[in-house]
PDB file of all heavy atoms in Angstrom:
ATOM      1  N   THR A   1     124.032 105.513  31.264  1.00  0.00           N
ATOM      2  CA  THR A   1     123.311 105.708  32.504  1.00  0.00           C
ATOM      3  C   THR A   1     123.717 107.082  33.146  1.00  0.00           C
ATOM      4  O   THR A   1     124.767 107.645  32.853  1.00  0.00           O
ATOM      5  CB  THR A   1     123.651 104.639  33.513  1.00  0.00           C
ATOM      6  OG1 THR A   1     125.064 104.602  33.757  1.00  0.00           O
ATOM      7  CG2 THR A   1     123.231 103.280  32.988  1.00  0.00           C
ATOM      8  N   LEU A   2     122.808 107.578  33.919  1.00  0.00           N
ATOM      9  CA  LEU A   2     122.998 108.868  34.552  1.00  0.00           C
ATOM     10  C   LEU A   2     123.082 108.604  36.110  1.00  0.00           C
ATOM     11  O   LEU A   2     122.321 107.801  36.624  1.00  0.00           O
ATOM     12  CB  LEU A   2     121.817 109.778  34.302  1.00  0.00           C
ATOM     13  CG  LEU A   2     121.884 111.198  34.906  1.00  0.00           C
ATOM     14  CD1 LEU A   2     123.020 111.958  34.253  1.00  0.00           C
ATOM     15  CD2 LEU A   2     120.552 111.928  34.682  1.00  0.00           C
ATOM     16  N   ASP A   3     124.059 109.239  36.756  1.00  0.00           N
ATOM     17  CA  ASP A   3     124.237 109.101  38.168  1.00  0.00           C
ATOM     18  C   ASP A   3     122.932 109.399  38.923  1.00  0.00           C
ATOM     19  O   ASP A   3     122.274 110.473  38.705  1.00  0.00           O
ATOM     20  CB  ASP A   3     125.350 110.115  38.652  1.00  0.00           C
ATOM     21  CG  ASP A   3     125.687 109.891  40.085  1.00  0.00           C
ATOM     22  OD1 ASP A   3     124.851 109.536  40.920  1.00  0.00           O
ATOM     23  OD2 ASP A   3     126.902 110.019  40.436  1.00  0.00           O
ATOM     24  N   THR A   4     122.515 108.475  39.779  1.00  0.00           N
ATOM     25  CA  THR A   4     121.194 108.663  40.498  1.00  0.00           C
ATOM     26  C   THR A   4     121.127 109.982  41.279  1.00  0.00           C
ATOM     27  O   THR A   4     120.068 110.516  41.478  1.00  0.00           O
ATOM     28  CB  THR A   4     120.942 107.493  41.402  1.00  0.00           C
ATOM     29  OG1 THR A   4     121.998 107.303  42.269  1.00  0.00           O
ATOM     30  CG2 THR A   4     120.735 106.188  40.573  1.00  0.00           C
ATOM     31  N   ASN A   5     122.260 110.423  41.705  1.00  0.00           N
ATOM     32  CA  ASN A   5     122.268 111.693  42.464  1.00  0.00           C
ATOM     33  C   ASN A   5     121.914 112.910  41.589  1.00  0.00           C
ATOM     34  O   ASN A   5     121.606 113.978  42.113  1.00  0.00           O
ATOM     35  CB  ASN A   5     123.650 111.933  43.127  1.00  0.00           C
ATOM     36  CG  ASN A   5     123.946 110.858  44.188  1.00  0.00           C
ATOM     37  OD1 ASN A   5     123.073 110.433  44.825  1.00  0.00           O
ATOM     38  ND2 ASN A   5     125.242 110.541  44.244  1.00  0.00           N
ATOM     39  N   LEU A   6     122.093 112.741  40.268  1.00  0.00           N
ATOM     40  CA  LEU A   6     121.796 113.845  39.384  1.00  0.00           C
ATOM     41  C   LEU A   6     120.435 113.807  38.762  1.00  0.00           C
ATOM     42  O   LEU A   6     119.974 114.760  38.085  1.00  0.00           O
ATOM     43  CB  LEU A   6     122.846 113.819  38.284  1.00  0.00           C
ATOM     44  CG  LEU A   6     124.309 114.051  38.677  1.00  0.00           C
ATOM     45  CD1 LEU A   6     125.223 113.904  37.518  1.00  0.00           C
ATOM     46  CD2 LEU A   6     124.486 115.354  39.390  1.00  0.00           C
ATOM     47  N   ILE A   7     119.684 112.658  38.917  1.00  0.00           N
ATOM     48  CA  ILE A   7     118.438 112.479  38.218  1.00  0.00           C
ATOM     49  C   ILE A   7     117.449 113.625  38.594  1.00  0.00           C
ATOM     50  O   ILE A   7     116.857 114.309  37.751  1.00  0.00           O
ATOM     51  CB  ILE A   7     117.817 111.109  38.482  1.00  0.00           C
ATOM     52  CG1 ILE A   7     118.699 110.072  37.782  1.00  0.00           C
ATOM     53  CG2 ILE A   7     116.412 111.045  37.934  1.00  0.00           C
ATOM     54  CD1 ILE A   7     118.201 108.631  37.950  1.00  0.00           C
ATOM     55  N   ASN A   8     117.219 113.773  39.897  1.00  0.00           N
ATOM     56  CA  ASN A   8     116.240 114.816  40.383  1.00  0.00           C
ATOM     57  C   ASN A   8     116.672 116.194  39.993  1.00  0.00           C
ATOM     58  O   ASN A   8     115.860 117.051  39.651  1.00  0.00           O
ATOM     59  CB  ASN A   8     115.960 114.673  41.855  1.00  0.00           C
ATOM     60  CG  ASN A   8     115.303 113.402  42.285  1.00  0.00           C
ATOM     61  OD1 ASN A   8     114.606 112.868  41.440  1.00  0.00           O
ATOM     62  ND2 ASN A   8     115.555 112.890  43.457  1.00  0.00           N
ATOM     63  N   GLN A   9     118.058 116.475  40.057  1.00  0.00           N
ATOM     64  CA  GLN A   9     118.499 117.796  39.873  1.00  0.00           C
ATOM     65  C   GLN A   9     118.392 118.195  38.401  1.00  0.00           C
ATOM     66  O   GLN A   9     118.083 119.340  38.042  1.00  0.00           O
ATOM     67  CB  GLN A   9     119.923 117.867  40.297  1.00  0.00           C
ATOM     68  CG  GLN A   9     120.555 119.242  40.114  1.00  0.00           C
ATOM     69  CD  GLN A   9     121.984 119.293  40.602  1.00  0.00           C
ATOM     70  OE1 GLN A   9     122.558 118.293  41.119  1.00  0.00           O
ATOM     71  NE2 GLN A   9     122.650 120.424  40.489  1.00  0.00           N
ATOM     72  N   TYR A  10     118.656 117.232  37.465  1.00  0.00           N
ATOM     73  CA  TYR A  10     118.740 117.615  36.097  1.00  0.00           C
ATOM     74  C   TYR A  10     117.588 117.035  35.178  1.00  0.00           C
ATOM     75  O   TYR A  10     116.901 117.748  34.469  1.00  0.00           O
ATOM     76  CB  TYR A  10     120.096 117.174  35.510  1.00  0.00           C
ATOM     77  CG  TYR A  10     121.245 117.902  36.099  1.00  0.00           C
ATOM     78  CD1 TYR A  10     122.172 117.234  36.804  1.00  0.00           C
ATOM     79  CD2 TYR A  10     121.376 119.285  35.782  1.00  0.00           C
ATOM     80  CE1 TYR A  10     123.282 117.901  37.370  1.00  0.00           C
ATOM     81  CE2 TYR A  10     122.425 119.958  36.379  1.00  0.00           C
ATOM     82  CZ  TYR A  10     123.380 119.318  37.131  1.00  0.00           C
ATOM     83  OH  TYR A  10     124.453 119.978  37.683  1.00  0.00           O
ATOM     84  N   VAL A  11     117.351 115.723  35.343  1.00  0.00           N
ATOM     85  CA  VAL A  11     116.340 115.141  34.419  1.00  0.00           C
ATOM     86  C   VAL A  11     114.967 115.659  34.750  1.00  0.00           C
ATOM     87  O   VAL A  11     114.272 116.218  33.852  1.00  0.00           O
ATOM     88  CB  VAL A  11     116.322 113.649  34.690  1.00  0.00           C
ATOM     89  CG1 VAL A  11     115.313 112.984  33.800  1.00  0.00           C
ATOM     90  CG2 VAL A  11     117.702 112.982  34.299  1.00  0.00           C
ATOM     91  N   ALA A  12     114.493 115.651  35.958  1.00  0.00           N
ATOM     92  CA  ALA A  12     113.112 116.117  36.300  1.00  0.00           C
ATOM     93  C   ALA A  12     113.033 117.652  36.072  1.00  0.00           C
ATOM     94  O   ALA A  12     112.033 118.080  35.524  1.00  0.00           O
ATOM     95  CB  ALA A  12     112.777 115.699  37.711  1.00  0.00           C
ATOM     96  N   ALA A  13     114.052 118.330  36.513  1.00  0.00           N
ATOM     97  CA  ALA A  13     114.044 119.775  36.405  1.00  0.00           C
ATOM     98  C   ALA A  13     114.014 120.307  34.935  1.00  0.00           C
ATOM     99  O   ALA A  13     113.440 121.285  34.639  1.00  0.00           O
ATOM    100  CB  ALA A  13     115.176 120.366  37.133  1.00  0.00           C
ATOM    101  N   LYS A  14     114.677 119.561  34.063  1.00  0.00           N
ATOM    102  CA  LYS A  14     114.764 120.025  32.720  1.00  0.00           C
ATOM    103  C   LYS A  14     113.790 119.335  31.791  1.00  0.00           C
ATOM    104  O   LYS A  14     113.804 119.544  30.540  1.00  0.00           O
ATOM    105  CB  LYS A  14     116.240 119.771  32.182  1.00  0.00           C
ATOM    106  CG  LYS A  14     117.252 120.563  32.902  1.00  0.00           C
ATOM    107  CD  LYS A  14     116.952 122.106  32.750  1.00  0.00           C
ATOM    108  CE  LYS A  14     117.932 122.907  33.577  1.00  0.00           C
ATOM    109  NZ  LYS A  14     117.666 124.359  33.428  1.00  0.00           N
ATOM    110  N   GLY A  15     112.899 118.446  32.279  1.00  0.00           N
ATOM    111  CA  GLY A  15     111.862 117.918  31.407  1.00  0.00           C
ATOM    112  C   GLY A  15     112.231 116.662  30.755  1.00  0.00           C
ATOM    113  O   GLY A  15     111.481 116.163  29.900  1.00  0.00           O
ATOM    114  N   TYR A  16     113.406 116.015  31.010  1.00  0.00           N
ATOM    115  CA  TYR A  16     113.756 114.765  30.407  1.00  0.00           C
ATOM    116  C   TYR A  16     112.912 113.649  30.947  1.00  0.00           C
ATOM    117  O   TYR A  16     112.620 113.578  32.149  1.00  0.00           O
ATOM    118  CB  TYR A  16     115.170 114.484  30.607  1.00  0.00           C
ATOM    119  CG  TYR A  16     116.164 115.107  29.724  1.00  0.00           C
ATOM    120  CD1 TYR A  16     116.541 116.419  29.913  1.00  0.00           C
ATOM    121  CD2 TYR A  16     116.676 114.495  28.566  1.00  0.00           C
ATOM    122  CE1 TYR A  16     117.419 117.094  29.088  1.00  0.00           C
ATOM    123  CE2 TYR A  16     117.606 115.101  27.762  1.00  0.00           C
ATOM    124  CZ  TYR A  16     117.966 116.453  28.063  1.00  0.00           C
ATOM    125  OH  TYR A  16     118.817 117.018  27.169  1.00  0.00           O
ATOM    126  N   THR A  17     112.477 112.771  30.020  1.00  0.00           N
ATOM    127  CA  THR A  17     111.738 111.571  30.482  1.00  0.00           C
ATOM    128  C   THR A  17     112.565 110.311  30.399  1.00  0.00           C
ATOM    129  O   THR A  17     112.184 109.323  30.895  1.00  0.00           O
ATOM    130  CB  THR A  17     110.522 111.410  29.645  1.00  0.00           C
ATOM    131  OG1 THR A  17     110.910 111.244  28.270  1.00  0.00           O
ATOM    132  CG2 THR A  17     109.606 112.577  29.741  1.00  0.00           C
ATOM    133  N   SER A  18     113.739 110.386  29.788  1.00  0.00           N
ATOM    134  CA  SER A  18     114.608 109.195  29.609  1.00  0.00           C
ATOM    135  C   SER A  18     115.971 109.605  29.156  1.00  0.00           C
ATOM    136  O   SER A  18     116.241 110.746  28.887  1.00  0.00           O
ATOM    137  CB  SER A  18     113.963 108.252  28.555  1.00  0.00           C
ATOM    138  OG  SER A  18     113.831 108.910  27.321  1.00  0.00           O
ATOM    139  N   ILE A  19     116.815 108.627  29.092  1.00  0.00           N
ATOM    140  CA  ILE A  19     118.222 108.863  28.684  1.00  0.00           C
ATOM    141  C   ILE A  19     118.456 108.196  27.324  1.00  0.00           C
ATOM    142  O   ILE A  19     118.124 107.046  27.123  1.00  0.00           O
ATOM    143  CB  ILE A  19     119.169 108.269  29.639  1.00  0.00           C
ATOM    144  CG1 ILE A  19     118.953 108.888  31.010  1.00  0.00           C
ATOM    145  CG2 ILE A  19     120.670 108.498  29.246  1.00  0.00           C
ATOM    146  CD1 ILE A  19     119.139 110.393  31.098  1.00  0.00           C
ATOM    147  N   LYS A  20     118.942 108.930  26.343  1.00  0.00           N
ATOM    148  CA  LYS A  20     119.207 108.415  25.024  1.00  0.00           C
ATOM    149  C   LYS A  20     120.447 107.474  25.060  1.00  0.00           C
ATOM    150  O   LYS A  20     121.514 107.952  25.525  1.00  0.00           O
ATOM    151  CB  LYS A  20     119.465 109.506  24.042  1.00  0.00           C
ATOM    152  CG  LYS A  20     119.644 109.026  22.576  1.00  0.00           C
ATOM    153  CD  LYS A  20     119.752 110.228  21.566  1.00  0.00           C
ATOM    154  CE  LYS A  20     120.884 111.120  21.745  1.00  0.00           C
ATOM    155  NZ  LYS A  20     120.950 112.151  20.650  1.00  0.00           N
ATOM    156  N   THR A  21     120.273 106.235  24.621  1.00  0.00           N
ATOM    157  CA  THR A  21     121.402 105.294  24.674  1.00  0.00           C
ATOM    158  C   THR A  21     121.883 104.904  23.331  1.00  0.00           C
ATOM    159  O   THR A  21     123.044 104.443  23.167  1.00  0.00           O
ATOM    160  CB  THR A  21     120.915 104.040  25.403  1.00  0.00           C
ATOM    161  OG1 THR A  21     119.841 103.442  24.693  1.00  0.00           O
ATOM    162  CG2 THR A  21     120.525 104.318  26.794  1.00  0.00           C
ATOM    163  N   ARG A  22     121.115 105.125  22.257  1.00  0.00           N
ATOM    164  CA  ARG A  22     121.514 104.601  20.930  1.00  0.00           C
ATOM    165  C   ARG A  22     120.591 105.274  19.895  1.00  0.00           C
ATOM    166  O   ARG A  22     119.499 105.661  20.137  1.00  0.00           O
ATOM    167  CB  ARG A  22     121.318 103.078  20.868  1.00  0.00           C
ATOM    168  CG  ARG A  22     121.713 102.448  19.530  1.00  0.00           C
ATOM    169  CD  ARG A  22     121.310 100.949  19.581  1.00  0.00           C
ATOM    170  NE  ARG A  22     121.475 100.317  18.300  1.00  0.00           N
ATOM    171  CZ  ARG A  22     122.497  99.666  17.941  1.00  0.00           C
ATOM    172  NH1 ARG A  22     123.530  99.607  18.661  1.00  0.00           N
ATOM    173  NH2 ARG A  22     122.547  99.110  16.713  1.00  0.00           N
ATOM    174  N   SER A  23     121.138 105.389  18.682  1.00  0.00           N
ATOM    175  CA  SER A  23     120.368 105.881  17.557  1.00  0.00           C
ATOM    176  C   SER A  23     120.780 105.031  16.290  1.00  0.00           C
ATOM    177  O   SER A  23     121.928 104.561  16.218  1.00  0.00           O
ATOM    178  CB  SER A  23     120.547 107.356  17.301  1.00  0.00           C
ATOM    179  OG  SER A  23     121.857 107.620  16.792  1.00  0.00           O
ATOM    180  N   GLN A  24     119.881 104.895  15.430  1.00  0.00           N
ATOM    181  CA  GLN A  24     120.135 104.140  14.207  1.00  0.00           C
ATOM    182  C   GLN A  24     119.367 104.742  13.066  1.00  0.00           C
ATOM    183  O   GLN A  24     118.271 105.398  13.235  1.00  0.00           O
ATOM    184  CB  GLN A  24     119.635 102.700  14.415  1.00  0.00           C
ATOM    185  CG  GLN A  24     120.042 101.675  13.300  1.00  0.00           C
ATOM    186  CD  GLN A  24     119.897 100.270  13.764  1.00  0.00           C
ATOM    187  OE1 GLN A  24     119.632  99.955  14.845  1.00  0.00           O
ATOM    188  NE2 GLN A  24     120.100  99.302  12.805  1.00  0.00           N
ATOM    189  N   TYR A  25     119.919 104.662  11.851  1.00  0.00           N
ATOM    190  CA  TYR A  25     119.238 105.225  10.689  1.00  0.00           C
ATOM    191  C   TYR A  25     119.326 104.409   9.414  1.00  0.00           C
ATOM    192  O   TYR A  25     120.277 103.561   9.340  1.00  0.00           O
ATOM    193  CB  TYR A  25     119.850 106.671  10.351  1.00  0.00           C
ATOM    194  CG  TYR A  25     121.231 106.617   9.704  1.00  0.00           C
ATOM    195  CD1 TYR A  25     121.357 106.605   8.357  1.00  0.00           C
ATOM    196  CD2 TYR A  25     122.372 106.547  10.499  1.00  0.00           C
ATOM    197  CE1 TYR A  25     122.633 106.585   7.763  1.00  0.00           C
ATOM    198  CE2 TYR A  25     123.642 106.560   9.915  1.00  0.00           C
ATOM    199  CZ  TYR A  25     123.718 106.570   8.590  1.00  0.00           C
ATOM    200  OH  TYR A  25     125.001 106.488   7.972  1.00  0.00           O
ATOM    201  N   TYR A  26     118.370 104.583   8.533  1.00  0.00           N
ATOM    202  CA  TYR A  26     118.406 103.961   7.229  1.00  0.00           C
ATOM    203  C   TYR A  26     117.898 105.031   6.211  1.00  0.00           C
ATOM    204  O   TYR A  26     117.018 105.777   6.495  1.00  0.00           O
ATOM    205  CB  TYR A  26     117.335 102.808   7.177  1.00  0.00           C
ATOM    206  CG  TYR A  26     117.580 101.783   8.258  1.00  0.00           C
ATOM    207  CD1 TYR A  26     116.903 101.838   9.534  1.00  0.00           C
ATOM    208  CD2 TYR A  26     118.398 100.682   7.991  1.00  0.00           C
ATOM    209  CE1 TYR A  26     117.082 100.905  10.460  1.00  0.00           C
ATOM    210  CE2 TYR A  26     118.618  99.697   9.052  1.00  0.00           C
ATOM    211  CZ  TYR A  26     117.928  99.831  10.230  1.00  0.00           C
ATOM    212  OH  TYR A  26     118.101  98.878  11.188  1.00  0.00           O
TER     213      TYR A  26
END
């Protein structure tokens, strides 16, 4: 999770639409 105080400052400003939580490969 990302601190809600940082969402507008970083996520919206930098074009992020979500937060990566996990990756899996085969």
